[in-house]
Amino acid sequence: MGYSNVALKDKIIEMYPEIYQNNLSLGLDFNPEKDAYVITIKKQSHELSAYLDKSDADECMDGTKCIHLGLKIGEFVKNYNA
């Protein structure tokens, strides 16, 4: 499946609106050595990085939520959105 980093980032934000609802910044880069995307979530001085496998990214683009990524985002919001 072919898509750009911007399209994947937009899809993640669409699926997990709490990212922008909680004023988090989202970075996304592909790491060819790991064949995975590196997702970086930031709020002020707090930062979380997580890997999203290419197969999970493909499913995300098809509208299937990635439970692992969703849990990481939820945990980050809970911990740093005081």
N, C-alpha and C. Protein backbone atom coordinates (compact mmCIF):
# COMPACT_ATOMS: atom_id res chain seq x y z
N MET A 1 0.85 -1.17 0.00
CA MET A 1 0.00 0.00 0.00
C MET A 1 0.89 1.24 0.00
N GLY A 2 0.60 2.18 -0.87
CA GLY A 2 1.40 3.38 -0.94
C GLY A 2 0.66 4.59 -0.38
N TYR A 3 1.31 5.31 0.50
CA TYR A 3 0.76 6.53 1.09
C TYR A 3 1.91 7.35 1.64
N SER A 4 1.67 8.60 1.85
CA SER A 4 2.72 9.49 2.35
C SER A 4 2.69 9.53 3.88
N ASN A 5 3.78 10.05 4.44
CA ASN A 5 3.83 10.25 5.90
C ASN A 5 2.72 11.20 6.34
N VAL A 6 2.47 12.22 5.52
CA VAL A 6 1.43 13.20 5.86
C VAL A 6 0.06 12.53 5.91
N ALA A 7 -0.22 11.66 4.94
CA ALA A 7 -1.51 10.96 4.91
C ALA A 7 -1.66 10.06 6.14
N LEU A 8 -0.60 9.37 6.52
CA LEU A 8 -0.66 8.50 7.70
C LEU A 8 -0.84 9.33 8.96
N LYS A 9 -0.12 10.42 9.06
CA LYS A 9 -0.25 11.31 10.22
C LYS A 9 -1.68 11.84 10.33
N ASP A 10 -2.24 12.28 9.20
CA ASP A 10 -3.61 12.78 9.19
C ASP A 10 -4.60 11.68 9.62
N LYS A 11 -4.36 10.46 9.18
CA LYS A 11 -5.24 9.34 9.54
C LYS A 11 -5.16 9.04 11.04
N ILE A 12 -3.95 9.07 11.58
CA ILE A 12 -3.78 8.84 13.02
C ILE A 12 -4.51 9.91 13.82
N ILE A 13 -4.40 11.16 13.40
CA ILE A 13 -5.08 12.26 14.09
C ILE A 13 -6.59 12.10 13.97
N GLU A 14 -7.06 11.65 12.81
CA GLU A 14 -8.49 11.41 12.62
C GLU A 14 -8.98 10.30 13.55
N MET A 15 -8.19 9.24 13.69
CA MET A 15 -8.59 8.10 14.51
C MET A 15 -8.43 8.36 16.01
N TYR A 16 -7.51 9.22 16.35
CA TYR A 16 -7.23 9.54 17.75
C TYR A 16 -7.30 11.05 17.96
N PRO A 17 -8.52 11.62 17.95
CA PRO A 17 -8.67 13.08 18.04
C PRO A 17 -8.16 13.67 19.36
N GLU A 18 -7.98 12.81 20.36
CA GLU A 18 -7.46 13.31 21.64
C GLU A 18 -6.06 13.90 21.50
N ILE A 19 -5.38 13.61 20.41
CA ILE A 19 -4.05 14.19 20.18
C ILE A 19 -4.17 15.71 20.13
N TYR A 20 -5.03 16.22 19.26
CA TYR A 20 -5.17 17.68 19.15
C TYR A 20 -6.09 18.24 20.21
N GLN A 21 -7.06 17.46 20.69
CA GLN A 21 -7.94 17.94 21.75
C GLN A 21 -7.15 18.28 23.00
N ASN A 22 -6.01 17.61 23.19
CA ASN A 22 -5.17 17.83 24.37
C ASN A 22 -3.90 18.60 24.03
N ASN A 23 -3.89 19.26 22.88
CA ASN A 23 -2.76 20.10 22.45
C ASN A 23 -1.43 19.36 22.43
N LEU A 24 -1.45 18.12 21.92
CA LEU A 24 -0.22 17.35 21.77
C LEU A 24 0.31 17.56 20.36
N SER A 25 1.62 17.52 20.20
CA SER A 25 2.18 17.55 18.85
C SER A 25 2.54 16.12 18.47
N LEU A 26 2.36 15.83 17.20
CA LEU A 26 2.60 14.48 16.69
C LEU A 26 3.62 14.54 15.58
N GLY A 27 4.70 13.78 15.75
CA GLY A 27 5.71 13.65 14.71
C GLY A 27 5.70 12.22 14.19
N LEU A 28 6.08 12.06 12.93
CA LEU A 28 6.05 10.74 12.33
C LEU A 28 7.17 10.65 11.29
N ASP A 29 8.02 9.66 11.42
CA ASP A 29 9.10 9.41 10.47
C ASP A 29 9.20 7.92 10.23
N PHE A 30 9.56 7.54 9.01
CA PHE A 30 9.74 6.13 8.70
C PHE A 30 11.19 5.74 8.95
N ASN A 31 11.40 4.62 9.65
CA ASN A 31 12.73 4.09 9.92
C ASN A 31 12.90 2.83 9.06
N PRO A 32 13.63 2.93 7.94
CA PRO A 32 13.76 1.78 7.04
C PRO A 32 14.48 0.58 7.67
N GLU A 33 15.37 0.83 8.62
CA GLU A 33 16.08 -0.28 9.28
C GLU A 33 15.13 -1.14 10.08
N LYS A 34 14.13 -0.53 10.69
CA LYS A 34 13.15 -1.26 11.50
C LYS A 34 11.89 -1.60 10.70
N ASP A 35 11.79 -1.06 9.49
CA ASP A 35 10.60 -1.20 8.66
C ASP A 35 9.36 -0.80 9.46
N ALA A 36 9.49 0.34 10.14
CA ALA A 36 8.43 0.83 11.01
C ALA A 36 8.46 2.35 11.05
N TYR A 37 7.33 2.92 11.43
CA TYR A 37 7.23 4.36 11.63
C TYR A 37 7.54 4.67 13.09
N VAL A 38 8.25 5.75 13.31
CA VAL A 38 8.51 6.23 14.66
C VAL A 38 7.52 7.37 14.91
N ILE A 39 6.65 7.16 15.86
CA ILE A 39 5.65 8.15 16.25
C ILE A 39 6.18 8.87 17.47
N THR A 40 6.20 10.20 17.43
CA THR A 40 6.65 10.99 18.56
C THR A 40 5.52 11.91 18.99
N ILE A 41 5.15 11.81 20.26
CA ILE A 41 4.09 12.64 20.83
C ILE A 41 4.75 13.54 21.87
N LYS A 42 4.46 14.83 21.79
CA LYS A 42 5.07 15.78 22.71
C LYS A 42 4.02 16.71 23.31
N LYS A 43 4.28 17.09 24.55
CA LYS A 43 3.55 18.17 25.20
C LYS A 43 4.52 18.82 26.15
N GLN A 44 4.82 20.08 25.87
CA GLN A 44 5.81 20.84 26.63
C GLN A 44 7.13 20.06 26.67
N SER A 45 7.63 19.75 27.84
CA SER A 45 8.93 19.05 27.93
C SER A 45 8.77 17.53 27.94
N HIS A 46 7.55 17.04 27.86
CA HIS A 46 7.29 15.60 27.91
C HIS A 46 7.23 15.02 26.50
N GLU A 47 7.81 13.85 26.31
CA GLU A 47 7.86 13.23 24.99
C GLU A 47 7.73 11.72 25.10
N LEU A 48 7.02 11.14 24.15
CA LEU A 48 6.86 9.70 24.07
C LEU A 48 7.13 9.28 22.63
N SER A 49 7.93 8.24 22.46
CA SER A 49 8.17 7.68 21.13
C SER A 49 7.66 6.25 21.12
N ALA A 50 7.07 5.87 20.00
CA ALA A 50 6.55 4.51 19.82
C ALA A 50 6.75 4.10 18.38
N TYR A 51 6.92 2.80 18.16
CA TYR A 51 7.05 2.27 16.80
C TYR A 51 5.70 1.77 16.32
N LEU A 52 5.43 2.03 15.06
CA LEU A 52 4.24 1.51 14.40
C LEU A 52 4.72 0.71 13.19
N ASP A 53 4.60 -0.61 13.29
CA ASP A 53 5.06 -1.48 12.21
C ASP A 53 4.35 -1.11 10.90
N LYS A 54 5.03 -1.36 9.80
CA LYS A 54 4.48 -1.04 8.48
C LYS A 54 3.13 -1.73 8.30
N SER A 55 2.99 -2.97 8.73
CA SER A 55 1.71 -3.68 8.59
C SER A 55 0.61 -3.02 9.41
N ASP A 56 0.95 -2.53 10.62
CA ASP A 56 -0.03 -1.81 11.44
C ASP A 56 -0.40 -0.48 10.79
N ALA A 57 0.58 0.19 10.19
CA ALA A 57 0.32 1.45 9.50
C ALA A 57 -0.62 1.22 8.32
N ASP A 58 -0.40 0.12 7.59
CA ASP A 58 -1.28 -0.22 6.47
C ASP A 58 -2.72 -0.42 6.95
N GLU A 59 -2.88 -1.12 8.07
CA GLU A 59 -4.21 -1.34 8.63
C GLU A 59 -4.83 -0.03 9.10
N CYS A 60 -4.01 0.82 9.67
CA CYS A 60 -4.48 2.14 10.11
C CYS A 60 -5.05 2.92 8.92
N MET A 61 -4.34 2.88 7.79
CA MET A 61 -4.81 3.58 6.60
C MET A 61 -6.11 2.98 6.08
N ASP A 62 -6.36 1.72 6.39
CA ASP A 62 -7.62 1.06 6.01
C ASP A 62 -8.73 1.32 7.03
N GLY A 63 -8.41 2.05 8.11
CA GLY A 63 -9.42 2.38 9.11
C GLY A 63 -9.45 1.49 10.33
N THR A 64 -8.48 0.58 10.45
CA THR A 64 -8.41 -0.30 11.62
C THR A 64 -7.53 0.37 12.68
N LYS A 65 -8.10 0.59 13.86
CA LYS A 65 -7.32 1.23 14.92
C LYS A 65 -6.23 0.31 15.43
N CYS A 66 -5.08 0.90 15.68
CA CYS A 66 -3.95 0.17 16.25
C CYS A 66 -4.07 0.27 17.77
N ILE A 67 -4.43 -0.82 18.39
CA ILE A 67 -4.68 -0.82 19.84
C ILE A 67 -3.44 -0.39 20.62
N HIS A 68 -2.27 -0.90 20.23
CA HIS A 68 -1.03 -0.56 20.93
C HIS A 68 -0.79 0.95 20.90
N LEU A 69 -0.93 1.57 19.73
CA LEU A 69 -0.72 3.01 19.61
C LEU A 69 -1.77 3.77 20.40
N GLY A 70 -3.02 3.32 20.33
CA GLY A 70 -4.09 3.97 21.08
C GLY A 70 -3.86 3.94 22.58
N LEU A 71 -3.35 2.82 23.08
CA LEU A 71 -3.04 2.73 24.51
C LEU A 71 -1.92 3.68 24.89
N LYS A 72 -0.90 3.78 24.05
CA LYS A 72 0.22 4.69 24.32
C LYS A 72 -0.26 6.14 24.35
N ILE A 73 -1.11 6.51 23.38
CA ILE A 73 -1.64 7.87 23.33
C ILE A 73 -2.49 8.14 24.57
N GLY A 74 -3.36 7.21 24.94
CA GLY A 74 -4.20 7.37 26.12
C GLY A 74 -3.39 7.50 27.39
N GLU A 75 -2.34 6.72 27.51
CA GLU A 75 -1.47 6.77 28.68
C GLU A 75 -0.77 8.13 28.75
N PHE A 76 -0.29 8.62 27.62
CA PHE A 76 0.39 9.90 27.57
C PHE A 76 -0.57 11.02 27.98
N VAL A 77 -1.77 11.01 27.43
CA VAL A 77 -2.77 12.03 27.78
C VAL A 77 -3.06 12.00 29.27
N LYS A 78 -3.25 10.82 29.82
CA LYS A 78 -3.55 10.66 31.24
C LYS A 78 -2.41 11.21 32.12
N ASN A 79 -1.18 10.92 31.74
CA ASN A 79 -0.02 11.30 32.55
C ASN A 79 0.35 12.78 32.44
N TYR A 80 0.14 13.38 31.26
CA TYR A 80 0.70 14.72 31.06
C TYR A 80 -0.33 15.77 30.69
N ASN A 81 -1.58 15.52 30.90
CA ASN A 81 -2.59 16.50 30.56
C ASN A 81 -3.28 17.02 31.83
N ALA A 82 -2.47 17.45 32.75
CA ALA A 82 -3.02 17.97 34.02
C ALA A 82 -3.29 19.45 33.91
